Amino acid sequence: MRFATYSHAGETFYGAATEAGMIALNDVFPRWPTLFDVVINGGLSALEATAQTRSVTHTDVTYEMVLPNARRILCVGVNFPDRNAEYKDGSEQPKYMSLFPRFASGFTGHDQPLIRPPESHMLDYEGEVAIVIGKVGRRIAEADAYDHIAALTLCNEGTIRDWVRHAKFNVTQGKNWDRSASMGPWLVPFSDARQLDEARILTRVNGELRQDDTLSRMMHPIRREIAYISTFMALQPGDIIVTGTPTGSGARLDPPQFLKPGDVVEVEVNGIGTLRNTVEDEVT
């Protein structure tokens, strides 16, 4: 089952996404006002049981960022071999992973536009799988890492490329423009290692395949990501880890091809779904 945050007629809801429409569930669980509250209280199984007894309530909806009040979002950079080679600096596979934070304000929802700011037209795409933590843990062993995942979702980790070069040691500026990225469309509860171990990321721009790789080729697999991050901070339910993007982003093409208004970007992963966004210029 799939659970989304969405709006309808000026109100925000969460519920189960079906082919026929949304089954609103927040009215059944007033103690959990948002989908984030559901996750941090281990309530996804309760949502699933309730959704099976209810009918579709909304068909005309606007998808929102799936966890718009997420407190901590950590992203793993340069995590595929071909992506490392794109930098053409002769470096070997790094011993440790690169990490940077993103904030929920930088994300929009499925079928919503990514916003290109007037300060830069170097808006780029990065298709990724994101994991949502469901169980607290510190110094988690790799063998136990999957036990701490509550759900999976998709991310287009949109980046303003020239702004990641404004400083020597960080990329935070270029990674946190409002609504420059997207996350969703929904959460898929995690129950089987094959959901990650057999996952394949495809990213298309205007129907053209730009990224195509499997999570099994990550330099730092998701089990290691969880173990490493939990070494220096206790992972909490509701934390999101954006796990890394394959080669093929627009900045690395020859010539570079950045996103422009009217483009359509689709990130697809088997077993999770497709995250689709258009592109618009910011209205100032």
C-alpha atoms as a PDB file:
ATOM      1  CA  MET A   1       0.000   0.000   0.000  1.00  0.00           C
ATOM      2  CA  ARG A   2       1.084   3.604  -0.643  1.00  0.00           C
ATOM      3  CA  PHE A   3       0.559   6.587   1.682  1.00  0.00           C
ATOM      4  CA  ALA A   4       0.666  10.208   0.567  1.00  0.00           C
ATOM      5  CA  THR A   5       0.293  13.747   1.849  1.00  0.00           C
ATOM      6  CA  TYR A   6      -2.036  15.734  -0.373  1.00  0.00           C
ATOM      7  CA  SER A   7      -4.329  18.734  -0.480  1.00  0.00           C
ATOM      8  CA  HIS A   8      -7.897  19.127  -1.650  1.00  0.00           C
ATOM      9  CA  ALA A   9     -10.100  22.228  -1.625  1.00  0.00           C
ATOM     10  CA  GLY A  10      -7.603  24.131   0.485  1.00  0.00           C
ATOM     11  CA  GLU A  11      -7.183  21.444   3.151  1.00  0.00           C
ATOM     12  CA  THR A  12      -4.268  19.090   3.722  1.00  0.00           C
ATOM     13  CA  PHE A  13      -4.824  15.370   4.217  1.00  0.00           C
ATOM     14  CA  TYR A  14      -2.893  12.140   4.338  1.00  0.00           C
ATOM     15  CA  GLY A  15      -4.163   8.812   3.182  1.00  0.00           C
ATOM     16  CA  ALA A  16      -3.795   5.774   0.969  1.00  0.00           C
ATOM     17  CA  ALA A  17      -3.184   6.357  -2.729  1.00  0.00           C
ATOM     18  CA  THR A  18      -5.115   3.995  -5.010  1.00  0.00           C
ATOM     19  CA  GLU A  19      -5.724   3.835  -8.762  1.00  0.00           C
ATOM     20  CA  ALA A  20      -9.200   5.272  -8.168  1.00  0.00           C
ATOM     21  CA  GLY A  21      -8.144   8.110  -5.871  1.00  0.00           C
ATOM     22  CA  MET A  22      -7.208   8.876  -2.284  1.00  0.00           C
ATOM     23  CA  ILE A  23      -8.610   7.284   0.837  1.00  0.00           C
ATOM     24  CA  ALA A  24      -8.316   9.984   3.523  1.00  0.00           C
ATOM     25  CA  LEU A  25      -7.182   8.579   6.860  1.00  0.00           C
ATOM     26  CA  ASN A  26      -6.204  11.527   9.044  1.00  0.00           C
ATOM     27  CA  ASP A  27      -9.753  11.873  10.403  1.00  0.00           C
ATOM     28  CA  VAL A  28      -9.486   8.349  11.818  1.00  0.00           C
ATOM     29  CA  PHE A  29      -6.244   9.129  13.641  1.00  0.00           C
ATOM     30  CA  PRO A  30      -6.567  12.611  15.194  1.00  0.00           C
ATOM     31  CA  ARG A  31      -3.666  11.750  17.520  1.00  0.00           C
ATOM     32  CA  TRP A  32      -1.479  11.710  14.385  1.00  0.00           C
ATOM     33  CA  PRO A  33      -2.212  15.009  12.606  1.00  0.00           C
ATOM     34  CA  THR A  34       0.369  14.452   9.831  1.00  0.00           C
ATOM     35  CA  LEU A  35       1.962  11.538   8.005  1.00  0.00           C
ATOM     36  CA  PHE A  36       5.195  12.408   9.801  1.00  0.00           C
ATOM     37  CA  ASP A  37       3.395  11.789  13.113  1.00  0.00           C
ATOM     38  CA  VAL A  38       2.236   8.432  11.765  1.00  0.00           C
ATOM     39  CA  VAL A  39       5.824   7.431  10.965  1.00  0.00           C
ATOM     40  CA  ILE A  40       7.365   8.536  14.249  1.00  0.00           C
ATOM     41  CA  ASN A  41       4.681   6.595  16.144  1.00  0.00           C
ATOM     42  CA  GLY A  42       5.012   3.422  14.056  1.00  0.00           C
ATOM     43  CA  GLY A  43       1.522   3.789  12.643  1.00  0.00           C
ATOM     44  CA  LEU A  44       1.864   2.717   9.003  1.00  0.00           C
ATOM     45  CA  SER A  45       0.436  -0.749   9.679  1.00  0.00           C
ATOM     46  CA  ALA A  46      -2.578   0.854  11.376  1.00  0.00           C
ATOM     47  CA  LEU A  47      -3.135   3.016   8.301  1.00  0.00           C
ATOM     48  CA  GLU A  48      -3.004  -0.026   6.068  1.00  0.00           C
ATOM     49  CA  ALA A  49      -5.535  -1.954   8.130  1.00  0.00           C
ATOM     50  CA  THR A  50      -7.922   1.002   8.191  1.00  0.00           C
ATOM     51  CA  ALA A  51      -7.550   1.791   4.487  1.00  0.00           C
ATOM     52  CA  GLN A  52      -8.748  -1.699   3.634  1.00  0.00           C
ATOM     53  CA  THR A  53     -12.112  -0.901   5.269  1.00  0.00           C
ATOM     54  CA  ARG A  54     -12.715   2.517   3.658  1.00  0.00           C
ATOM     55  CA  SER A  55     -13.666   3.884   0.245  1.00  0.00           C
ATOM     56  CA  VAL A  56     -12.091   6.572  -1.924  1.00  0.00           C
ATOM     57  CA  THR A  57     -12.793  10.055  -0.580  1.00  0.00           C
ATOM     58  CA  HIS A  58     -10.917  12.357  -3.004  1.00  0.00           C
ATOM     59  CA  THR A  59     -10.146  12.080  -6.706  1.00  0.00           C
ATOM     60  CA  ASP A  60      -9.027  15.633  -7.512  1.00  0.00           C
ATOM     61  CA  VAL A  61      -5.927  16.165  -5.370  1.00  0.00           C
ATOM     62  CA  THR A  62      -2.613  17.987  -5.276  1.00  0.00           C
ATOM     63  CA  TYR A  63       0.331  15.945  -4.057  1.00  0.00           C
ATOM     64  CA  GLU A  64       2.481  17.607  -1.409  1.00  0.00           C
ATOM     65  CA  MET A  65       6.047  16.768  -0.375  1.00  0.00           C
ATOM     66  CA  VAL A  66       5.410  13.397   1.254  1.00  0.00           C
ATOM     67  CA  LEU A  67       6.763  14.401   4.706  1.00  0.00           C
ATOM     68  CA  PRO A  68       6.623  18.219   4.595  1.00  0.00           C
ATOM     69  CA  ASN A  69       7.472  18.545   8.288  1.00  0.00           C
ATOM     70  CA  ALA A  70      10.450  16.166   8.234  1.00  0.00           C
ATOM     71  CA  ARG A  71      13.008  17.382  10.744  1.00  0.00           C
ATOM     72  CA  ARG A  72      16.218  15.889   9.355  1.00  0.00           C
ATOM     73  CA  ILE A  73      17.099  15.049   5.762  1.00  0.00           C
ATOM     74  CA  LEU A  74      20.619  13.814   4.982  1.00  0.00           C
ATOM     75  CA  CYS A  75      21.833  13.212   1.430  1.00  0.00           C
ATOM     76  CA  VAL A  76      24.660  10.963   0.261  1.00  0.00           C
ATOM     77  CA  GLY A  77      26.733  12.428  -2.585  1.00  0.00           C
ATOM     78  CA  VAL A  78      28.786  10.805  -5.356  1.00  0.00           C
ATOM     79  CA  ASN A  79      27.740   7.249  -4.489  1.00  0.00           C
ATOM     80  CA  PHE A  80      27.972   5.392  -7.814  1.00  0.00           C
ATOM     81  CA  PRO A  81      31.275   4.414  -9.500  1.00  0.00           C
ATOM     82  CA  ASP A  82      30.467   6.153 -12.778  1.00  0.00           C
ATOM     83  CA  ARG A  83      29.376   9.249 -10.866  1.00  0.00           C
ATOM     84  CA  ASN A  84      32.777   9.346  -9.145  1.00  0.00           C
ATOM     85  CA  ALA A  85      34.465   9.022 -12.554  1.00  0.00           C
ATOM     86  CA  GLU A  86      32.454  11.999 -13.847  1.00  0.00           C
ATOM     87  CA  TYR A  87      34.570  14.307 -11.720  1.00  0.00           C
ATOM     88  CA  LYS A  88      37.663  13.359 -13.792  1.00  0.00           C
ATOM     89  CA  ASP A  89      39.985  14.008 -10.862  1.00  0.00           C
ATOM     90  CA  GLY A  90      41.573  10.554 -10.855  1.00  0.00           C
ATOM     91  CA  SER A  91      40.295   9.770  -7.382  1.00  0.00           C
ATOM     92  CA  GLU A  92      39.663   6.206  -6.288  1.00  0.00           C
ATOM     93  CA  GLN A  93      36.515   5.076  -4.544  1.00  0.00           C
ATOM     94  CA  PRO A  94      36.345   7.153  -1.355  1.00  0.00           C
ATOM     95  CA  LYS A  95      36.695   5.337   1.946  1.00  0.00           C
ATOM     96  CA  TYR A  96      33.974   7.469   3.541  1.00  0.00           C
ATOM     97  CA  MET A  97      30.754   8.800   2.065  1.00  0.00           C
ATOM     98  CA  SER A  98      30.039  12.455   1.348  1.00  0.00           C
ATOM     99  CA  LEU A  99      27.056  13.858   3.261  1.00  0.00           C
ATOM    100  CA  PHE A 100      25.123  17.112   3.256  1.00  0.00           C
ATOM    101  CA  PRO A 101      21.814  18.291   4.738  1.00  0.00           C
ATOM    102  CA  ARG A 102      18.671  19.342   2.946  1.00  0.00           C
ATOM    103  CA  PHE A 103      15.635  21.001   4.450  1.00  0.00           C
ATOM    104  CA  ALA A 104      11.988  20.203   3.813  1.00  0.00           C
ATOM    105  CA  SER A 105      11.357  23.688   2.383  1.00  0.00           C
ATOM    106  CA  GLY A 106      13.519  22.740  -0.609  1.00  0.00           C
ATOM    107  CA  PHE A 107      11.071  20.056  -1.758  1.00  0.00           C
ATOM    108  CA  THR A 108       7.783  20.082  -3.586  1.00  0.00           C
ATOM    109  CA  GLY A 109       5.425  17.192  -4.358  1.00  0.00           C
ATOM    110  CA  HIS A 110       4.673  14.867  -7.246  1.00  0.00           C
ATOM    111  CA  ASP A 111       3.220  16.569 -10.340  1.00  0.00           C
ATOM    112  CA  GLN A 112       4.228  19.984  -8.970  1.00  0.00           C
ATOM    113  CA  PRO A 113       6.778  22.250 -10.684  1.00  0.00           C
ATOM    114  CA  LEU A 114      10.413  22.457  -9.713  1.00  0.00           C
ATOM    115  CA  ILE A 115      11.226  26.146  -9.376  1.00  0.00           C
ATOM    116  CA  ARG A 116      14.157  27.671 -11.258  1.00  0.00           C
ATOM    117  CA  PRO A 117      15.326  30.861  -9.470  1.00  0.00           C
ATOM    118  CA  PRO A 118      16.288  34.059 -11.271  1.00  0.00           C
ATOM    119  CA  GLU A 119      19.753  34.004  -9.688  1.00  0.00           C
ATOM    120  CA  SER A 120      20.797  30.937 -11.701  1.00  0.00           C
ATOM    121  CA  HIS A 121      19.492  28.875 -14.594  1.00  0.00           C
ATOM    122  CA  MET A 122      21.695  25.882 -13.734  1.00  0.00           C
ATOM    123  CA  LEU A 123      18.870  23.798 -12.240  1.00  0.00           C
ATOM    124  CA  ASP A 124      19.782  20.122 -12.492  1.00  0.00           C
ATOM    125  CA  TYR A 125      18.066  16.803 -11.704  1.00  0.00           C
ATOM    126  CA  GLU A 126      19.204  13.818  -9.633  1.00  0.00           C
ATOM    127  CA  GLY A 127      16.971  10.744  -9.373  1.00  0.00           C
ATOM    128  CA  GLU A 128      17.333   8.886  -6.093  1.00  0.00           C
ATOM    129  CA  VAL A 129      15.732   6.498  -3.624  1.00  0.00           C
ATOM    130  CA  ALA A 130      15.056   7.926  -0.170  1.00  0.00           C
ATOM    131  CA  ILE A 131      14.607   5.831   2.954  1.00  0.00           C
ATOM    132  CA  VAL A 132      12.553   6.887   5.960  1.00  0.00           C
ATOM    133  CA  ILE A 133      13.758   5.717   9.356  1.00  0.00           C
ATOM    134  CA  GLY A 134      11.168   4.074  11.591  1.00  0.00           C
ATOM    135  CA  LYS A 135      13.183   2.895  14.581  1.00  0.00           C
ATOM    136  CA  VAL A 136      15.644   4.793  16.747  1.00  0.00           C
ATOM    137  CA  GLY A 137      19.234   3.588  16.645  1.00  0.00           C
ATOM    138  CA  ARG A 138      22.816   4.572  17.408  1.00  0.00           C
ATOM    139  CA  ARG A 139      25.889   2.742  16.084  1.00  0.00           C
ATOM    140  CA  ILE A 140      23.675   0.393  14.110  1.00  0.00           C
ATOM    141  CA  ALA A 141      25.401  -2.669  12.678  1.00  0.00           C
ATOM    142  CA  GLU A 142      25.150  -3.058   8.896  1.00  0.00           C
ATOM    143  CA  ALA A 143      23.507  -6.465   9.391  1.00  0.00           C
ATOM    144  CA  ASP A 144      20.720  -4.798  11.380  1.00  0.00           C
ATOM    145  CA  ALA A 145      20.352  -1.657   9.276  1.00  0.00           C
ATOM    146  CA  TYR A 146      17.254  -2.640   7.309  1.00  0.00           C
ATOM    147  CA  ASP A 147      15.402  -3.260  10.578  1.00  0.00           C
ATOM    148  CA  HIS A 148      15.422   0.517  11.098  1.00  0.00           C
ATOM    149  CA  ILE A 149      13.676   1.433   7.813  1.00  0.00           C
ATOM    150  CA  ALA A 150       9.965   2.236   7.921  1.00  0.00           C
ATOM    151  CA  ALA A 151       9.325   3.188   4.312  1.00  0.00           C
ATOM    152  CA  LEU A 152      10.751   4.115   0.919  1.00  0.00           C
ATOM    153  CA  THR A 153      10.043   7.037  -1.363  1.00  0.00           C
ATOM    154  CA  LEU A 154      11.575   8.778  -4.386  1.00  0.00           C
ATOM    155  CA  CYS A 155      13.550  11.989  -4.666  1.00  0.00           C
ATOM    156  CA  ASN A 156      14.537  14.298  -7.480  1.00  0.00           C
ATOM    157  CA  GLU A 157      17.354  15.998  -5.622  1.00  0.00           C
ATOM    158  CA  GLY A 158      17.316  19.185  -7.700  1.00  0.00           C
ATOM    159  CA  THR A 159      20.517  21.209  -7.535  1.00  0.00           C
ATOM    160  CA  ILE A 160      21.523  24.733  -8.529  1.00  0.00           C
ATOM    161  CA  ARG A 161      24.925  23.719  -9.868  1.00  0.00           C
ATOM    162  CA  ASP A 162      26.909  26.944  -9.763  1.00  0.00           C
ATOM    163  CA  TRP A 163      25.781  27.617  -6.185  1.00  0.00           C
ATOM    164  CA  VAL A 164      27.384  24.393  -4.944  1.00  0.00           C
ATOM    165  CA  ARG A 165      30.726  26.006  -5.870  1.00  0.00           C
ATOM    166  CA  HIS A 166      30.306  29.212  -3.869  1.00  0.00           C
ATOM    167  CA  ALA A 167      32.424  27.918  -1.013  1.00  0.00           C
ATOM    168  CA  LYS A 168      35.361  25.569  -0.660  1.00  0.00           C
ATOM    169  CA  PHE A 169      34.047  22.851   1.630  1.00  0.00           C
ATOM    170  CA  ASN A 170      30.272  22.644   1.280  1.00  0.00           C
ATOM    171  CA  VAL A 171      27.376  22.380  -1.168  1.00  0.00           C
ATOM    172  CA  THR A 172      24.550  23.425   1.162  1.00  0.00           C
ATOM    173  CA  GLN A 173      23.722  26.638  -0.724  1.00  0.00           C
ATOM    174  CA  GLY A 174      23.101  24.926  -4.052  1.00  0.00           C
ATOM    175  CA  LYS A 175      21.117  22.126  -2.472  1.00  0.00           C
ATOM    176  CA  ASN A 176      18.494  24.100  -0.564  1.00  0.00           C
ATOM    177  CA  TRP A 177      16.735  26.502  -2.892  1.00  0.00           C
ATOM    178  CA  ASP A 178      13.020  26.560  -2.090  1.00  0.00           C
ATOM    179  CA  ARG A 179      11.056  24.014  -4.150  1.00  0.00           C
ATOM    180  CA  SER A 180      14.069  23.155  -6.294  1.00  0.00           C
ATOM    181  CA  ALA A 181      13.648  19.431  -5.580  1.00  0.00           C
ATOM    182  CA  SER A 182      10.807  16.985  -5.090  1.00  0.00           C
ATOM    183  CA  MET A 183      10.000  13.991  -2.895  1.00  0.00           C
ATOM    184  CA  GLY A 184       7.169  11.495  -3.209  1.00  0.00           C
ATOM    185  CA  PRO A 185       4.704  10.678  -4.599  1.00  0.00           C
ATOM    186  CA  TRP A 186       4.111   8.475  -1.559  1.00  0.00           C
ATOM    187  CA  LEU A 187       5.617   6.265   1.109  1.00  0.00           C
ATOM    188  CA  VAL A 188       5.844   2.554   0.391  1.00  0.00           C
ATOM    189  CA  PRO A 189       6.192   0.567   3.642  1.00  0.00           C
ATOM    190  CA  PHE A 190       9.445  -1.387   3.757  1.00  0.00           C
ATOM    191  CA  SER A 191       9.106  -5.091   4.444  1.00  0.00           C
ATOM    192  CA  ASP A 192      11.512  -6.971   2.171  1.00  0.00           C
ATOM    193  CA  ALA A 193      15.227  -6.461   1.479  1.00  0.00           C
ATOM    194  CA  ARG A 194      14.544  -7.055  -2.219  1.00  0.00           C
ATOM    195  CA  GLN A 195      12.724  -3.701  -2.344  1.00  0.00           C
ATOM    196  CA  LEU A 196      16.176  -2.108  -2.166  1.00  0.00           C
ATOM    197  CA  ASP A 197      18.563  -4.830  -3.258  1.00  0.00           C
ATOM    198  CA  GLU A 198      16.772  -5.268  -6.603  1.00  0.00           C
ATOM    199  CA  ALA A 199      15.853  -1.609  -7.176  1.00  0.00           C
ATOM    200  CA  ARG A 200      16.734   0.188 -10.421  1.00  0.00           C
ATOM    201  CA  ILE A 201      16.683   3.975 -10.850  1.00  0.00           C
ATOM    202  CA  LEU A 202      15.571   5.482 -14.164  1.00  0.00           C
ATOM    203  CA  THR A 203      15.457   9.241 -14.748  1.00  0.00           C
ATOM    204  CA  ARG A 204      13.935  10.709 -17.903  1.00  0.00           C
ATOM    205  CA  VAL A 205      13.829  14.302 -19.100  1.00  0.00           C
ATOM    206  CA  ASN A 206      11.116  14.932 -21.685  1.00  0.00           C
ATOM    207  CA  GLY A 207      10.995  11.176 -22.274  1.00  0.00           C
ATOM    208  CA  GLU A 208      14.759  10.847 -22.874  1.00  0.00           C
ATOM    209  CA  LEU A 209      16.499   8.377 -20.571  1.00  0.00           C
ATOM    210  CA  ARG A 210      19.291  10.206 -18.717  1.00  0.00           C
ATOM    211  CA  GLN A 211      20.016   8.017 -15.674  1.00  0.00           C
ATOM    212  CA  ASP A 212      19.852   4.229 -15.433  1.00  0.00           C
ATOM    213  CA  ASP A 213      21.523   2.205 -12.675  1.00  0.00           C
ATOM    214  CA  THR A 214      20.858  -0.234  -9.859  1.00  0.00           C
ATOM    215  CA  LEU A 215      21.224   0.308  -6.129  1.00  0.00           C
ATOM    216  CA  SER A 216      23.357  -2.836  -5.978  1.00  0.00           C
ATOM    217  CA  ARG A 217      26.199  -0.841  -7.618  1.00  0.00           C
ATOM    218  CA  MET A 218      26.378   1.830  -4.935  1.00  0.00           C
ATOM    219  CA  MET A 219      29.870   2.440  -3.578  1.00  0.00           C
ATOM    220  CA  HIS A 220      28.339   2.888  -0.124  1.00  0.00           C
ATOM    221  CA  PRO A 221      25.299   0.580   0.093  1.00  0.00           C
ATOM    222  CA  ILE A 222      22.281   1.640   2.099  1.00  0.00           C
ATOM    223  CA  ARG A 223      23.145  -0.704   4.966  1.00  0.00           C
ATOM    224  CA  ARG A 224      26.507   1.065   5.261  1.00  0.00           C
ATOM    225  CA  GLU A 225      24.883   4.497   5.017  1.00  0.00           C
ATOM    226  CA  ILE A 226      22.673   3.717   8.001  1.00  0.00           C
ATOM    227  CA  ALA A 227      25.576   2.266   9.985  1.00  0.00           C
ATOM    228  CA  TYR A 228      27.896   5.186   9.225  1.00  0.00           C
ATOM    229  CA  ILE A 229      25.388   7.975   9.871  1.00  0.00           C
ATOM    230  CA  SER A 230      24.196   6.366  13.101  1.00  0.00           C
ATOM    231  CA  THR A 231      27.783   6.382  14.363  1.00  0.00           C
ATOM    232  CA  PHE A 232      27.806  10.159  14.839  1.00  0.00           C
ATOM    233  CA  MET A 233      24.089  10.790  15.417  1.00  0.00           C
ATOM    234  CA  ALA A 234      21.240   8.716  16.770  1.00  0.00           C
ATOM    235  CA  LEU A 235      18.838   8.087  13.927  1.00  0.00           C
ATOM    236  CA  GLN A 236      15.258   8.932  14.854  1.00  0.00           C
ATOM    237  CA  PRO A 237      11.924   7.855  13.364  1.00  0.00           C
ATOM    238  CA  GLY A 238      11.040  10.250  10.578  1.00  0.00           C
ATOM    239  CA  ASP A 239      14.651  10.940   9.565  1.00  0.00           C
ATOM    240  CA  ILE A 240      15.166  10.724   5.794  1.00  0.00           C
ATOM    241  CA  ILE A 241      18.303   9.531   4.023  1.00  0.00           C
ATOM    242  CA  VAL A 242      18.529  10.350   0.302  1.00  0.00           C
ATOM    243  CA  THR A 243      20.817   7.585  -0.822  1.00  0.00           C
ATOM    244  CA  GLY A 244      22.665   8.795  -3.952  1.00  0.00           C
ATOM    245  CA  THR A 245      22.181   9.409  -7.667  1.00  0.00           C
ATOM    246  CA  PRO A 246      23.669   7.594 -10.693  1.00  0.00           C
ATOM    247  CA  THR A 247      25.689   9.141 -13.498  1.00  0.00           C
ATOM    248  CA  GLY A 248      23.859  11.182 -16.131  1.00  0.00           C
ATOM    249  CA  SER A 249      22.892  14.453 -14.486  1.00  0.00           C
ATOM    250  CA  GLY A 250      22.604  17.421 -16.823  1.00  0.00           C
ATOM    251  CA  ALA A 251      25.795  19.116 -15.626  1.00  0.00           C
ATOM    252  CA  ARG A 252      27.883  16.137 -16.750  1.00  0.00           C
ATOM    253  CA  LEU A 253      26.553  15.938 -20.295  1.00  0.00           C
ATOM    254  CA  ASP A 254      28.537  17.413 -23.191  1.00  0.00           C
ATOM    255  CA  PRO A 255      27.383  20.089 -23.577  1.00  0.00           C
ATOM    256  CA  PRO A 256      25.614  20.470 -20.190  1.00  0.00           C
ATOM    257  CA  GLN A 257      21.819  20.375 -20.346  1.00  0.00           C
ATOM    258  CA  PHE A 258      20.129  22.122 -17.457  1.00  0.00           C
ATOM    259  CA  LEU A 259      16.407  22.104 -16.799  1.00  0.00           C
ATOM    260  CA  LYS A 260      14.269  24.850 -18.292  1.00  0.00           C
ATOM    261  CA  PRO A 261      10.609  25.854 -18.020  1.00  0.00           C
ATOM    262  CA  GLY A 262       8.329  23.332 -19.695  1.00  0.00           C
ATOM    263  CA  ASP A 263      10.625  20.342 -19.121  1.00  0.00           C
ATOM    264  CA  VAL A 264       9.192  17.187 -17.565  1.00  0.00           C
ATOM    265  CA  VAL A 265      11.397  15.078 -15.287  1.00  0.00           C
ATOM    266  CA  GLU A 266      10.418  11.554 -14.235  1.00  0.00           C
ATOM    267  CA  VAL A 267      12.213   9.437 -11.644  1.00  0.00           C
ATOM    268  CA  GLU A 268      11.106   5.792 -11.710  1.00  0.00           C
ATOM    269  CA  VAL A 269      12.074   2.927  -9.410  1.00  0.00           C
ATOM    270  CA  ASN A 270      10.531  -0.515  -9.664  1.00  0.00           C
ATOM    271  CA  GLY A 271       8.374  -1.339  -6.661  1.00  0.00           C
ATOM    272  CA  ILE A 272       8.061   2.297  -5.579  1.00  0.00           C
ATOM    273  CA  GLY A 273       6.598   4.166  -8.542  1.00  0.00           C
ATOM    274  CA  THR A 274       7.274   7.290 -10.602  1.00  0.00           C
ATOM    275  CA  LEU A 275       7.902  10.817  -9.334  1.00  0.00           C
ATOM    276  CA  ARG A 276       7.039  13.365 -12.020  1.00  0.00           C
ATOM    277  CA  ASN A 277       7.669  17.127 -12.064  1.00  0.00           C
ATOM    278  CA  THR A 278       7.533  19.983 -14.516  1.00  0.00           C
ATOM    279  CA  VAL A 279       9.794  23.047 -14.360  1.00  0.00           C
ATOM    280  CA  GLU A 280       8.791  26.685 -13.931  1.00  0.00           C
ATOM    281  CA  ASP A 281      10.611  29.943 -13.373  1.00  0.00           C
ATOM    282  CA  GLU A 282      10.149  31.566  -9.986  1.00  0.00           C
ATOM    283  CA  VAL A 283       7.655  34.418  -9.997  1.00  0.00           C
ATOM    284  CA  THR A 284       9.303  37.321  -8.225  1.00  0.00           C
END
